[in-house]
Amino acid sequence: MKRLALLAALAALGVMLVAATGASAKPTVKICTTNSKNVTTSTVRGTVTATNVDPSQARFATCGTAKKVMNNLLSRRIEEPKIYLGFDCTPTVVHTEPDIVNYRCVFKGADTATFIKLTFTAKYDQD
């Protein structure tokens, strides 16, 4: 009898674990574009990947915020780490003459599990 109760408790625990992992938020991916006079292409395409977004921080996982971050970095031709609108952005120079820079920007919720990643590539024109 005790074995049967233990087996039932373990089975219930297993169901709860499966339900809990199934309830974790799947990443949402959005493609956002913006324009800049500093790049050779007509548009810059960014990818926003968001997981576990808390409703209070959902505004950071939008294309509107992604465009603001991209425009700020593109207008300043930032090639050093920069924090803007809560996004910690790290550029990687891939090529020089002309400059091609990959950006990886991460927003992490302070009190929540929110994780938002913005990635884009800028092909700067020669001034």
Protein backbone atom coordinates (compact mmCIF):
# COMPACT_ATOMS: atom_id res chain seq x y z
CA MET A 1 0.00 0.00 0.00
CA LYS A 2 2.81 2.39 0.91
CA ARG A 3 4.58 1.58 -2.34
CA LEU A 4 1.44 2.36 -4.30
CA ALA A 5 1.04 5.72 -2.52
CA LEU A 6 4.71 6.54 -3.14
CA LEU A 7 4.37 5.59 -6.81
CA ALA A 8 1.27 7.76 -7.17
CA ALA A 9 3.05 10.71 -5.49
CA LEU A 10 6.04 10.34 -7.83
CA ALA A 11 3.76 10.16 -10.84
CA ALA A 12 1.94 13.31 -9.74
CA LEU A 13 5.26 15.08 -9.21
CA GLY A 14 6.37 14.04 -12.71
CA VAL A 15 3.16 15.44 -14.22
CA MET A 16 3.68 18.71 -12.36
CA LEU A 17 7.27 18.99 -13.61
CA VAL A 18 6.21 18.36 -17.20
CA ALA A 19 3.44 20.95 -16.86
CA ALA A 20 5.83 23.49 -15.35
CA THR A 21 8.40 23.11 -18.11
CA GLY A 22 5.66 23.19 -20.72
CA ALA A 23 4.35 26.42 -19.23
CA SER A 24 7.65 28.24 -19.67
CA ALA A 25 7.38 30.86 -22.34
CA LYS A 26 8.67 30.03 -25.77
CA PRO A 27 10.82 32.72 -27.35
CA THR A 28 9.02 35.13 -29.62
CA VAL A 29 10.95 36.45 -32.59
CA LYS A 30 10.19 39.71 -34.39
CA ILE A 31 11.91 41.23 -37.41
CA CYS A 32 12.15 45.01 -37.19
CA THR A 33 13.56 47.45 -39.74
CA THR A 34 14.75 51.03 -39.64
CA ASN A 35 16.42 53.51 -41.96
CA SER A 36 19.66 55.41 -41.43
CA LYS A 37 21.62 57.85 -43.55
CA ASN A 38 24.86 56.40 -42.17
CA VAL A 39 24.56 52.97 -43.77
CA THR A 40 25.02 51.83 -47.34
CA THR A 41 21.87 49.71 -47.43
CA SER A 42 18.47 51.35 -47.58
CA THR A 43 17.29 49.64 -44.41
CA VAL A 44 18.78 47.93 -41.39
CA ARG A 45 17.07 44.75 -40.30
CA GLY A 46 17.08 43.74 -36.63
CA THR A 47 15.90 40.59 -34.91
CA VAL A 48 14.22 40.81 -31.51
CA THR A 49 14.06 37.59 -29.51
CA ALA A 50 12.10 37.76 -26.26
CA THR A 51 11.57 35.14 -23.56
CA ASN A 52 9.71 35.23 -20.25
CA VAL A 53 8.53 38.79 -20.87
CA ASP A 54 6.80 40.24 -17.84
CA PRO A 55 3.72 42.32 -18.75
CA SER A 56 5.26 45.34 -17.02
CA GLN A 57 8.25 45.15 -19.38
CA ALA A 58 6.46 44.14 -22.58
CA ARG A 59 7.06 47.58 -24.13
CA PHE A 60 10.77 46.74 -24.39
CA ALA A 61 10.04 43.73 -26.61
CA THR A 62 8.44 45.82 -29.38
CA CYS A 63 9.72 46.97 -32.75
CA GLY A 64 9.23 50.57 -31.61
CA THR A 65 11.81 50.19 -28.84
CA ALA A 66 14.11 48.15 -31.10
CA LYS A 67 14.02 50.94 -33.70
CA LYS A 68 14.91 53.54 -31.06
CA VAL A 69 17.90 51.48 -29.94
CA MET A 70 19.05 50.80 -33.51
CA ASN A 71 18.62 54.45 -34.57
CA ASN A 72 20.58 55.69 -31.56
CA LEU A 73 23.51 53.39 -32.22
CA LEU A 74 23.45 53.95 -35.99
CA SER A 75 23.30 57.74 -35.75
CA ARG A 76 26.31 57.83 -33.43
CA ARG A 77 28.22 55.08 -35.26
CA ILE A 78 28.85 53.51 -31.88
CA GLU A 79 31.65 50.95 -31.97
CA GLU A 80 32.06 50.53 -28.22
CA PRO A 81 29.75 49.03 -25.57
CA LYS A 82 26.79 51.29 -24.79
CA ILE A 83 23.65 51.05 -22.66
CA TYR A 84 20.55 52.64 -24.16
CA LEU A 85 16.93 52.28 -22.97
CA GLY A 86 18.02 49.42 -20.69
CA PHE A 87 19.64 47.47 -23.53
CA ASP A 88 23.30 46.61 -22.96
CA CYS A 89 24.72 46.78 -26.49
CA THR A 90 28.01 45.24 -27.54
CA PRO A 91 29.34 45.89 -31.05
CA THR A 92 31.70 43.59 -32.91
CA VAL A 93 33.62 45.10 -35.83
CA VAL A 94 33.58 42.48 -38.57
CA HIS A 95 35.28 44.48 -41.32
CA THR A 96 36.89 47.88 -41.81
CA GLU A 97 36.97 50.07 -44.94
CA PRO A 98 33.94 50.02 -45.16
CA ASP A 99 33.00 49.40 -41.55
CA ILE A 100 30.68 46.47 -40.93
CA VAL A 101 29.56 46.13 -37.32
CA ASN A 102 27.43 43.43 -35.71
CA TYR A 103 25.45 44.61 -32.68
CA ARG A 104 24.12 42.41 -29.89
CA CYS A 105 21.90 44.21 -27.39
CA VAL A 106 20.48 42.50 -24.32
CA PHE A 107 17.74 43.64 -21.94
CA LYS A 108 17.40 41.69 -18.70
CA GLY A 109 14.59 42.27 -16.24
CA ALA A 110 15.86 43.33 -12.82
CA ASP A 111 13.13 41.68 -10.74
CA THR A 112 11.73 39.39 -13.41
CA ALA A 113 12.96 36.67 -15.75
CA THR A 114 12.50 38.93 -18.78
CA PHE A 115 15.21 38.43 -21.40
CA ILE A 116 15.17 40.36 -24.68
CA LYS A 117 17.91 40.18 -27.31
CA LEU A 118 18.25 42.54 -30.28
CA THR A 119 20.77 41.74 -33.01
CA PHE A 120 21.51 43.66 -36.19
CA THR A 121 24.33 44.44 -38.61
CA ALA A 122 25.32 47.90 -39.84
CA LYS A 123 27.26 48.44 -43.04
CA TYR A 124 28.43 52.02 -42.58
CA ASP A 125 29.12 54.26 -45.56
CA GLN A 126 32.44 56.01 -46.07
CA ASP A 127 32.40 59.68 -45.11
